[in-house]
Amino acid sequence: MDALNKYGMSGDTSHCVQLLNSFIHHGPNGKHFVMVFEILGVNFLEIIKRYNYQGVPMPLARRLARQCLIGLDYMHRMCKIIHTDFKPENVVVCLKDSEVAEIAKTGQLTTTKMFQQSDAIKKLNMKIAGTLQTPKDLSLKEQTESATSLFASEFDTEGMTAK
């Protein structure tokens, strides 16, 4: 950390993901090394798709490119690491503090375009995540039927597959 402070950088200004923890999971398919990172948003490819592959606006592209270059410089100078797989799928955007707080409170981020269309999706996803506040007098079966009918009435569920 002293080396970072010497150059006026911190973990927050390095534009590199922060490893919070790691552990080995012993499961039915063997041992797996699990790394826990901070909560992050979409990757650059998703941003490119939102602009229909027609190019990201120049001010946004400049800002993102600058941050990527700062991150690469930090990894090279401070960590002595060379990133060998730099592509849009491997660069992610950080969430705002308010978005992280929303995830902590509700178990999901509901400020995206997907959730602006209907409260039905919000309620169903909060129910699945176990964060939906429901009246104590409803049985679990009634709550499930209510959420299912709310979802089915809003959208055509024909051909949908759960994965």
N, C-alpha and C. Protein backbone atom coordinates (compact mmCIF):
# COMPACT_ATOMS: atom_id res chain seq x y z
N MET A 1 0.81 -1.20 0.00
CA MET A 1 0.00 0.00 0.00
C MET A 1 0.86 1.27 0.00
N ASP A 2 2.02 1.20 0.65
CA ASP A 2 2.88 2.38 0.70
C ASP A 2 3.34 2.78 -0.69
N ALA A 3 3.59 1.80 -1.54
CA ALA A 3 4.01 2.09 -2.91
C ALA A 3 2.90 2.82 -3.66
N LEU A 4 1.64 2.44 -3.41
CA LEU A 4 0.51 3.12 -4.05
C LEU A 4 0.43 4.56 -3.59
N ASN A 5 0.52 4.77 -2.28
CA ASN A 5 0.43 6.11 -1.73
C ASN A 5 1.55 7.00 -2.26
N LYS A 6 2.73 6.42 -2.47
CA LYS A 6 3.88 7.15 -2.99
C LYS A 6 3.55 7.79 -4.34
N TYR A 7 2.75 7.10 -5.16
CA TYR A 7 2.37 7.60 -6.47
C TYR A 7 0.99 8.23 -6.49
N GLY A 8 0.40 8.45 -5.32
CA GLY A 8 -0.91 9.09 -5.25
C GLY A 8 -2.05 8.20 -5.69
N MET A 9 -1.90 6.90 -5.54
CA MET A 9 -2.95 5.96 -5.95
C MET A 9 -3.45 5.18 -4.76
N SER A 10 -4.67 4.71 -4.87
CA SER A 10 -5.22 3.80 -3.88
C SER A 10 -5.88 2.66 -4.63
N GLY A 11 -6.42 1.70 -3.91
CA GLY A 11 -7.12 0.60 -4.56
C GLY A 11 -8.31 1.08 -5.35
N ASP A 12 -8.93 2.20 -4.91
CA ASP A 12 -10.10 2.74 -5.60
C ASP A 12 -9.74 3.47 -6.88
N THR A 13 -8.55 4.07 -6.93
CA THR A 13 -8.16 4.85 -8.11
C THR A 13 -7.32 4.06 -9.10
N SER A 14 -7.04 2.80 -8.79
CA SER A 14 -6.19 2.00 -9.68
C SER A 14 -6.95 1.48 -10.89
N HIS A 15 -8.27 1.54 -10.86
CA HIS A 15 -9.13 1.02 -11.93
C HIS A 15 -8.88 -0.46 -12.20
N CYS A 16 -8.59 -1.19 -11.12
CA CYS A 16 -8.44 -2.64 -11.18
C CYS A 16 -9.38 -3.27 -10.17
N VAL A 17 -9.91 -4.41 -10.50
CA VAL A 17 -10.84 -5.11 -9.61
C VAL A 17 -10.11 -5.50 -8.33
N GLN A 18 -10.83 -5.46 -7.22
CA GLN A 18 -10.24 -5.79 -5.92
C GLN A 18 -10.63 -7.21 -5.52
N LEU A 19 -9.64 -8.03 -5.26
CA LEU A 19 -9.86 -9.39 -4.76
C LEU A 19 -10.15 -9.27 -3.26
N LEU A 20 -11.34 -9.69 -2.85
CA LEU A 20 -11.73 -9.57 -1.45
C LEU A 20 -11.39 -10.79 -0.62
N ASN A 21 -11.49 -11.96 -1.22
CA ASN A 21 -11.25 -13.19 -0.50
C ASN A 21 -11.05 -14.33 -1.50
N SER A 22 -10.54 -15.43 -1.02
CA SER A 22 -10.44 -16.64 -1.85
C SER A 22 -10.47 -17.85 -0.93
N PHE A 23 -10.94 -18.96 -1.47
CA PHE A 23 -11.01 -20.20 -0.70
C PHE A 23 -11.11 -21.37 -1.65
N ILE A 24 -10.93 -22.57 -1.12
CA ILE A 24 -11.06 -23.79 -1.91
C ILE A 24 -12.36 -24.47 -1.52
N HIS A 25 -13.19 -24.74 -2.53
CA HIS A 25 -14.47 -25.41 -2.32
C HIS A 25 -14.29 -26.88 -2.69
N HIS A 26 -14.62 -27.77 -1.77
CA HIS A 26 -14.57 -29.21 -2.02
C HIS A 26 -15.99 -29.67 -2.34
N GLY A 27 -16.26 -29.96 -3.60
CA GLY A 27 -17.60 -30.34 -4.02
C GLY A 27 -17.61 -31.72 -4.65
N PRO A 28 -18.78 -32.12 -5.16
CA PRO A 28 -18.92 -33.45 -5.76
C PRO A 28 -18.09 -33.62 -7.03
N ASN A 29 -17.70 -32.50 -7.65
CA ASN A 29 -16.89 -32.57 -8.87
C ASN A 29 -15.43 -32.22 -8.62
N GLY A 30 -14.99 -32.32 -7.38
CA GLY A 30 -13.60 -32.07 -7.06
C GLY A 30 -13.39 -30.75 -6.34
N LYS A 31 -12.14 -30.33 -6.31
CA LYS A 31 -11.76 -29.09 -5.64
C LYS A 31 -11.83 -27.93 -6.63
N HIS A 32 -12.31 -26.78 -6.15
CA HIS A 32 -12.40 -25.59 -6.99
C HIS A 32 -11.85 -24.40 -6.22
N PHE A 33 -10.97 -23.64 -6.83
CA PHE A 33 -10.45 -22.43 -6.23
C PHE A 33 -11.43 -21.31 -6.53
N VAL A 34 -11.99 -20.70 -5.50
CA VAL A 34 -13.01 -19.67 -5.65
C VAL A 34 -12.41 -18.33 -5.25
N MET A 35 -12.59 -17.33 -6.12
CA MET A 35 -12.12 -15.98 -5.84
C MET A 35 -13.34 -15.08 -5.68
N VAL A 36 -13.34 -14.25 -4.64
CA VAL A 36 -14.45 -13.35 -4.35
C VAL A 36 -13.99 -11.93 -4.66
N PHE A 37 -14.69 -11.29 -5.59
CA PHE A 37 -14.36 -9.93 -5.99
C PHE A 37 -15.47 -8.98 -5.55
N GLU A 38 -15.19 -7.70 -5.66
CA GLU A 38 -16.21 -6.69 -5.37
C GLU A 38 -17.36 -6.84 -6.38
N ILE A 39 -18.53 -6.32 -6.03
CA ILE A 39 -19.68 -6.37 -6.94
C ILE A 39 -19.42 -5.41 -8.09
N LEU A 40 -19.61 -5.91 -9.32
CA LEU A 40 -19.34 -5.10 -10.50
C LEU A 40 -20.55 -5.11 -11.43
N GLY A 41 -20.54 -4.19 -12.37
CA GLY A 41 -21.65 -4.05 -13.30
C GLY A 41 -21.40 -4.80 -14.60
N VAL A 42 -21.89 -4.23 -15.68
CA VAL A 42 -21.81 -4.88 -16.99
C VAL A 42 -20.41 -4.76 -17.57
N ASN A 43 -20.12 -5.63 -18.54
CA ASN A 43 -18.83 -5.54 -19.22
C ASN A 43 -18.96 -4.62 -20.43
N PHE A 44 -17.82 -4.30 -21.04
CA PHE A 44 -17.81 -3.37 -22.17
C PHE A 44 -18.61 -3.91 -23.35
N LEU A 45 -18.63 -5.20 -23.53
CA LEU A 45 -19.38 -5.76 -24.65
C LEU A 45 -20.86 -5.42 -24.52
N GLU A 46 -21.39 -5.45 -23.29
CA GLU A 46 -22.80 -5.09 -23.06
C GLU A 46 -23.04 -3.62 -23.42
N ILE A 47 -22.09 -2.77 -23.12
CA ILE A 47 -22.22 -1.34 -23.46
C ILE A 47 -22.22 -1.19 -24.98
N ILE A 48 -21.34 -1.90 -25.66
CA ILE A 48 -21.28 -1.86 -27.12
C ILE A 48 -22.60 -2.33 -27.72
N LYS A 49 -23.18 -3.40 -27.15
CA LYS A 49 -24.46 -3.92 -27.63
C LYS A 49 -25.58 -2.91 -27.44
N ARG A 50 -25.55 -2.16 -26.33
CA ARG A 50 -26.60 -1.16 -26.07
C ARG A 50 -26.61 -0.06 -27.12
N TYR A 51 -25.48 0.15 -27.76
CA TYR A 51 -25.39 1.12 -28.85
C TYR A 51 -25.48 0.42 -30.21
N ASN A 52 -26.03 -0.79 -30.22
CA ASN A 52 -26.27 -1.56 -31.45
C ASN A 52 -25.03 -1.71 -32.33
N TYR A 53 -23.89 -1.88 -31.71
CA TYR A 53 -22.62 -2.08 -32.42
C TYR A 53 -22.30 -0.92 -33.37
N GLN A 54 -22.91 0.25 -33.15
CA GLN A 54 -22.69 1.40 -34.02
C GLN A 54 -21.63 2.36 -33.47
N GLY A 55 -21.04 2.01 -32.34
CA GLY A 55 -20.02 2.87 -31.73
C GLY A 55 -20.57 3.58 -30.50
N VAL A 56 -19.73 3.65 -29.50
CA VAL A 56 -20.08 4.33 -28.25
C VAL A 56 -19.79 5.81 -28.44
N PRO A 57 -20.61 6.71 -27.87
CA PRO A 57 -20.34 8.15 -28.01
C PRO A 57 -18.90 8.50 -27.59
N MET A 58 -18.28 9.41 -28.31
CA MET A 58 -16.87 9.74 -28.11
C MET A 58 -16.54 10.15 -26.67
N PRO A 59 -17.32 10.98 -25.99
CA PRO A 59 -16.96 11.33 -24.60
C PRO A 59 -16.91 10.10 -23.67
N LEU A 60 -17.84 9.18 -23.85
CA LEU A 60 -17.86 7.96 -23.06
C LEU A 60 -16.67 7.07 -23.42
N ALA A 61 -16.39 6.94 -24.71
CA ALA A 61 -15.26 6.12 -25.16
C ALA A 61 -13.95 6.67 -24.61
N ARG A 62 -13.78 7.99 -24.60
CA ARG A 62 -12.56 8.59 -24.06
C ARG A 62 -12.41 8.30 -22.57
N ARG A 63 -13.51 8.46 -21.83
CA ARG A 63 -13.47 8.23 -20.39
C ARG A 63 -13.14 6.77 -20.07
N LEU A 64 -13.78 5.85 -20.77
CA LEU A 64 -13.54 4.43 -20.54
C LEU A 64 -12.12 4.03 -20.95
N ALA A 65 -11.66 4.56 -22.07
CA ALA A 65 -10.30 4.25 -22.53
C ALA A 65 -9.26 4.77 -21.53
N ARG A 66 -9.47 5.98 -21.02
CA ARG A 66 -8.54 6.55 -20.04
C ARG A 66 -8.46 5.66 -18.80
N GLN A 67 -9.62 5.23 -18.31
CA GLN A 67 -9.64 4.39 -17.11
C GLN A 67 -8.98 3.04 -17.37
N CYS A 68 -9.19 2.47 -18.55
CA CYS A 68 -8.54 1.20 -18.90
C CYS A 68 -7.02 1.37 -18.94
N LEU A 69 -6.57 2.46 -19.52
CA LEU A 69 -5.13 2.69 -19.60
C LEU A 69 -4.51 2.92 -18.22
N ILE A 70 -5.23 3.60 -17.33
CA ILE A 70 -4.75 3.77 -15.96
C ILE A 70 -4.64 2.41 -15.28
N GLY A 71 -5.65 1.56 -15.46
CA GLY A 71 -5.64 0.23 -14.87
C GLY A 71 -4.50 -0.63 -15.40
N LEU A 72 -4.28 -0.59 -16.71
CA LEU A 72 -3.18 -1.35 -17.32
C LEU A 72 -1.82 -0.84 -16.84
N ASP A 73 -1.69 0.48 -16.73
CA ASP A 73 -0.45 1.07 -16.24
C ASP A 73 -0.20 0.65 -14.79
N TYR A 74 -1.25 0.65 -13.97
CA TYR A 74 -1.13 0.23 -12.57
C TYR A 74 -0.67 -1.23 -12.49
N MET A 75 -1.30 -2.10 -13.29
CA MET A 75 -0.93 -3.51 -13.26
C MET A 75 0.52 -3.71 -13.70
N HIS A 76 0.96 -2.94 -14.69
CA HIS A 76 2.32 -3.09 -15.21
C HIS A 76 3.35 -2.54 -14.23
N ARG A 77 3.16 -1.30 -13.78
CA ARG A 77 4.16 -0.66 -12.91
C ARG A 77 4.17 -1.20 -11.49
N MET A 78 2.98 -1.32 -10.88
CA MET A 78 2.90 -1.66 -9.46
C MET A 78 2.92 -3.18 -9.22
N CYS A 79 2.20 -3.90 -10.06
CA CYS A 79 2.04 -5.34 -9.83
C CYS A 79 3.00 -6.18 -10.67
N LYS A 80 3.62 -5.55 -11.65
CA LYS A 80 4.52 -6.26 -12.58
C LYS A 80 3.78 -7.39 -13.31
N ILE A 81 2.53 -7.07 -13.70
CA ILE A 81 1.68 -8.03 -14.40
C ILE A 81 1.37 -7.48 -15.79
N ILE A 82 1.38 -8.36 -16.79
CA ILE A 82 0.97 -7.99 -18.13
C ILE A 82 -0.37 -8.67 -18.40
N HIS A 83 -1.39 -7.88 -18.73
CA HIS A 83 -2.72 -8.43 -19.04
C HIS A 83 -2.64 -9.03 -20.44
N THR A 84 -2.89 -10.32 -20.55
CA THR A 84 -2.73 -10.99 -21.86
C THR A 84 -4.06 -11.30 -22.54
N ASP A 85 -5.17 -10.87 -21.94
CA ASP A 85 -6.48 -11.17 -22.55
C ASP A 85 -7.38 -9.95 -22.43
N PHE A 86 -6.90 -8.82 -22.91
CA PHE A 86 -7.63 -7.56 -22.81
C PHE A 86 -8.62 -7.46 -23.96
N LYS A 87 -9.90 -7.55 -23.66
CA LYS A 87 -10.97 -7.48 -24.66
C LYS A 87 -12.23 -6.98 -23.97
N PRO A 88 -13.25 -6.54 -24.72
CA PRO A 88 -14.45 -5.96 -24.11
C PRO A 88 -15.14 -6.86 -23.07
N GLU A 89 -15.11 -8.17 -23.27
CA GLU A 89 -15.76 -9.08 -22.32
C GLU A 89 -15.05 -9.11 -20.98
N ASN A 90 -13.77 -8.73 -20.94
CA ASN A 90 -12.97 -8.82 -19.72
C ASN A 90 -12.78 -7.49 -19.02
N VAL A 91 -13.50 -6.47 -19.44
CA VAL A 91 -13.44 -5.17 -18.78
C VAL A 91 -14.85 -4.86 -18.28
N VAL A 92 -14.98 -4.65 -16.98
CA VAL A 92 -16.30 -4.41 -16.40
C VAL A 92 -16.38 -3.03 -15.79
N VAL A 93 -17.60 -2.53 -15.67
CA VAL A 93 -17.87 -1.21 -15.13
C VAL A 93 -18.24 -1.34 -13.66
N CYS A 94 -17.76 -0.43 -12.84
CA CYS A 94 -18.10 -0.43 -11.42
C CYS A 94 -19.52 0.09 -11.22
N LEU A 95 -20.14 -0.36 -10.16
CA LEU A 95 -21.45 0.14 -9.77
C LEU A 95 -21.29 1.34 -8.84
N LYS A 96 -22.29 2.22 -8.84
CA LYS A 96 -22.30 3.34 -7.90
C LYS A 96 -22.61 2.81 -6.51
N ASP A 97 -22.25 3.58 -5.50
CA ASP A 97 -22.51 3.17 -4.11
C ASP A 97 -24.00 2.93 -3.88
N SER A 98 -24.85 3.75 -4.51
CA SER A 98 -26.30 3.59 -4.34
C SER A 98 -26.78 2.26 -4.95
N GLU A 99 -26.15 1.84 -6.05
CA GLU A 99 -26.51 0.58 -6.70
C GLU A 99 -26.07 -0.61 -5.84
N VAL A 100 -24.89 -0.52 -5.24
CA VAL A 100 -24.41 -1.59 -4.35
C VAL A 100 -25.33 -1.68 -3.13
N ALA A 101 -25.74 -0.52 -2.60
CA ALA A 101 -26.65 -0.50 -1.44
C ALA A 101 -27.99 -1.13 -1.80
N GLU A 102 -28.47 -0.88 -3.03
CA GLU A 102 -29.73 -1.48 -3.47
C GLU A 102 -29.62 -3.00 -3.57
N ILE A 103 -28.49 -3.48 -4.07
CA ILE A 103 -28.27 -4.93 -4.15
C ILE A 103 -28.24 -5.53 -2.74
N ALA A 104 -27.59 -4.85 -1.81
CA ALA A 104 -27.53 -5.34 -0.44
C ALA A 104 -28.91 -5.37 0.21
N LYS A 105 -29.75 -4.40 -0.14
CA LYS A 105 -31.08 -4.31 0.46
C LYS A 105 -32.08 -5.29 -0.17
N THR A 106 -32.09 -5.36 -1.51
CA THR A 106 -33.13 -6.13 -2.19
C THR A 106 -32.63 -7.43 -2.80
N GLY A 107 -31.32 -7.61 -2.90
CA GLY A 107 -30.79 -8.81 -3.51
C GLY A 107 -30.65 -8.71 -5.01
N GLN A 108 -30.95 -7.53 -5.57
CA GLN A 108 -30.85 -7.35 -7.02
C GLN A 108 -30.77 -5.87 -7.35
N LEU A 109 -30.38 -5.55 -8.56
CA LEU A 109 -30.33 -4.18 -9.03
C LEU A 109 -31.56 -3.95 -9.90
N THR A 110 -32.42 -3.02 -9.49
CA THR A 110 -33.68 -2.81 -10.21
C THR A 110 -33.71 -1.48 -10.95
N THR A 111 -32.57 -0.81 -11.08
CA THR A 111 -32.55 0.47 -11.77
C THR A 111 -32.13 0.33 -13.23
N THR A 112 -32.08 -0.89 -13.75
CA THR A 112 -31.70 -1.11 -15.14
C THR A 112 -32.92 -0.99 -16.04
N LYS A 113 -32.70 -0.95 -17.35
CA LYS A 113 -33.79 -0.84 -18.31
C LYS A 113 -34.80 -1.98 -18.15
N MET A 114 -34.30 -3.17 -17.85
CA MET A 114 -35.18 -4.33 -17.73
C MET A 114 -36.25 -4.12 -16.67
N PHE A 115 -35.92 -3.41 -15.61
CA PHE A 115 -36.85 -3.25 -14.51
C PHE A 115 -37.70 -2.00 -14.63
N GLN A 116 -37.49 -1.17 -15.63
CA GLN A 116 -38.29 0.03 -15.81
C GLN A 116 -39.61 -0.29 -16.49
N GLN A 117 -39.75 -1.46 -17.07
CA GLN A 117 -40.95 -1.79 -17.81
C GLN A 117 -42.10 -2.22 -16.93
N SER A 118 -41.84 -2.98 -15.88
CA SER A 118 -42.94 -3.55 -15.12
C SER A 118 -42.51 -3.88 -13.69
N ASP A 119 -43.43 -3.66 -12.76
CA ASP A 119 -43.19 -4.04 -11.37
C ASP A 119 -43.32 -5.55 -11.20
N ALA A 120 -43.95 -6.23 -12.16
CA ALA A 120 -44.15 -7.67 -12.06
C ALA A 120 -42.81 -8.40 -12.02
N ILE A 121 -41.87 -7.99 -12.87
CA ILE A 121 -40.56 -8.64 -12.90
C ILE A 121 -39.83 -8.36 -11.60
N LYS A 122 -39.91 -7.10 -11.13
CA LYS A 122 -39.26 -6.75 -9.85
C LYS A 122 -39.76 -7.65 -8.73
N LYS A 123 -41.08 -7.77 -8.63
CA LYS A 123 -41.66 -8.56 -7.54
C LYS A 123 -41.29 -10.03 -7.65
N LEU A 124 -41.33 -10.56 -8.85
CA LEU A 124 -41.00 -11.97 -9.04
C LEU A 124 -39.53 -12.24 -8.68
N ASN A 125 -38.63 -11.39 -9.15
CA ASN A 125 -37.22 -11.58 -8.85
C ASN A 125 -36.91 -11.38 -7.37
N MET A 126 -37.59 -10.43 -6.73
CA MET A 126 -37.40 -10.23 -5.30
C MET A 126 -37.93 -11.44 -4.53
N LYS A 127 -39.00 -12.03 -5.03
CA LYS A 127 -39.55 -13.23 -4.39
C LYS A 127 -38.56 -14.38 -4.50
N ILE A 128 -38.00 -14.57 -5.70
CA ILE A 128 -37.02 -15.63 -5.91
C ILE A 128 -35.79 -15.41 -5.02
N ALA A 129 -35.35 -14.14 -4.91
CA ALA A 129 -34.17 -13.82 -4.09
C ALA A 129 -34.48 -13.87 -2.60
N GLY A 130 -35.77 -13.95 -2.25
CA GLY A 130 -36.15 -14.01 -0.84
C GLY A 130 -36.16 -12.65 -0.16
N THR A 131 -36.24 -11.57 -0.95
CA THR A 131 -36.22 -10.23 -0.36
C THR A 131 -37.55 -9.50 -0.49
N LEU A 132 -38.58 -10.14 -1.05
CA LEU A 132 -39.88 -9.52 -1.18
C LEU A 132 -40.61 -9.58 0.16
N GLN A 133 -41.08 -8.42 0.62
CA GLN A 133 -41.84 -8.37 1.86
C GLN A 133 -43.28 -8.78 1.55
N THR A 134 -43.75 -9.85 2.18
CA THR A 134 -45.10 -10.35 1.95
C THR A 134 -45.87 -10.36 3.26
N PRO A 135 -47.20 -10.24 3.16
CA PRO A 135 -48.02 -10.30 4.38
C PRO A 135 -47.86 -11.65 5.06
N LYS A 136 -47.82 -11.64 6.38
CA LYS A 136 -47.62 -12.86 7.16
C LYS A 136 -48.80 -13.82 7.05
N ASP A 137 -50.00 -13.29 6.72
CA ASP A 137 -51.17 -14.16 6.70
C ASP A 137 -51.31 -15.00 5.44
N LEU A 138 -50.51 -14.74 4.41
CA LEU A 138 -50.57 -15.56 3.20
C LEU A 138 -49.70 -16.80 3.38
N SER A 139 -50.21 -17.93 2.94
CA SER A 139 -49.40 -19.15 2.99
C SER A 139 -48.37 -19.10 1.88
N LEU A 140 -47.37 -19.94 1.96
CA LEU A 140 -46.32 -19.99 0.94
C LEU A 140 -46.92 -20.34 -0.42
N LYS A 141 -47.90 -21.25 -0.44
CA LYS A 141 -48.53 -21.65 -1.69
C LYS A 141 -49.26 -20.46 -2.32
N GLU A 142 -49.99 -19.68 -1.50
CA GLU A 142 -50.72 -18.52 -2.02
C GLU A 142 -49.76 -17.46 -2.55
N GLN A 143 -48.63 -17.26 -1.84
CA GLN A 143 -47.64 -16.28 -2.28
C GLN A 143 -47.05 -16.69 -3.63
N THR A 144 -46.74 -17.97 -3.79
CA THR A 144 -46.16 -18.47 -5.03
C THR A 144 -47.14 -18.34 -6.18
N GLU A 145 -48.42 -18.73 -5.94
CA GLU A 145 -49.44 -18.62 -6.98
C GLU A 145 -49.67 -17.17 -7.36
N SER A 146 -49.65 -16.27 -6.37
CA SER A 146 -49.85 -14.85 -6.64
C SER A 146 -48.74 -14.30 -7.51
N ALA A 147 -47.49 -14.61 -7.18
CA ALA A 147 -46.35 -14.13 -7.96
C ALA A 147 -46.36 -14.72 -9.36
N THR A 148 -46.71 -16.00 -9.48
CA THR A 148 -46.75 -16.67 -10.78
C THR A 148 -47.83 -16.06 -11.66
N SER A 149 -49.02 -15.84 -11.12
CA SER A 149 -50.10 -15.27 -11.92
C SER A 149 -49.79 -13.83 -12.30
N LEU A 150 -49.09 -13.09 -11.42
CA LEU A 150 -48.70 -11.72 -11.72
C LEU A 150 -47.74 -11.71 -12.91
N PHE A 151 -46.78 -12.64 -12.93
CA PHE A 151 -45.82 -12.74 -14.02
C PHE A 151 -46.52 -13.18 -15.30
N ALA A 152 -47.35 -14.18 -15.21
CA ALA A 152 -48.02 -14.73 -16.40
C ALA A 152 -48.97 -13.72 -17.03
N SER A 153 -49.61 -12.89 -16.21
CA SER A 153 -50.55 -11.93 -16.76
C SER A 153 -49.83 -10.80 -17.50
N GLU A 154 -48.58 -10.52 -17.15
CA GLU A 154 -47.83 -9.44 -17.77
C GLU A 154 -47.14 -9.85 -19.06
N PHE A 155 -46.71 -11.11 -19.16
CA PHE A 155 -45.88 -11.53 -20.27
C PHE A 155 -46.38 -12.84 -20.87
N ASP A 156 -46.09 -13.02 -22.15
CA ASP A 156 -46.39 -14.27 -22.81
C ASP A 156 -45.26 -15.23 -22.45
N THR A 157 -45.57 -16.27 -21.69
CA THR A 157 -44.55 -17.19 -21.20
C THR A 157 -44.36 -18.38 -22.14
N GLU A 158 -45.05 -18.40 -23.26
CA GLU A 158 -44.93 -19.50 -24.22
C GLU A 158 -43.50 -19.59 -24.75
N GLY A 159 -42.92 -20.75 -24.69
CA GLY A 159 -41.59 -20.98 -25.22
C GLY A 159 -40.46 -20.57 -24.30
N MET A 160 -40.76 -20.09 -23.09
CA MET A 160 -39.69 -19.69 -22.17
C MET A 160 -39.08 -20.93 -21.54
N THR A 161 -37.77 -20.88 -21.34
CA THR A 161 -37.04 -21.99 -20.73
C THR A 161 -36.23 -21.48 -19.56
N ALA A 162 -36.35 -22.13 -18.43
CA ALA A 162 -35.56 -21.74 -17.25
C ALA A 162 -34.17 -22.34 -17.39
N LYS A 163 -33.16 -21.57 -17.06
CA LYS A 163 -31.77 -22.06 -17.12
C LYS A 163 -31.07 -21.73 -15.84
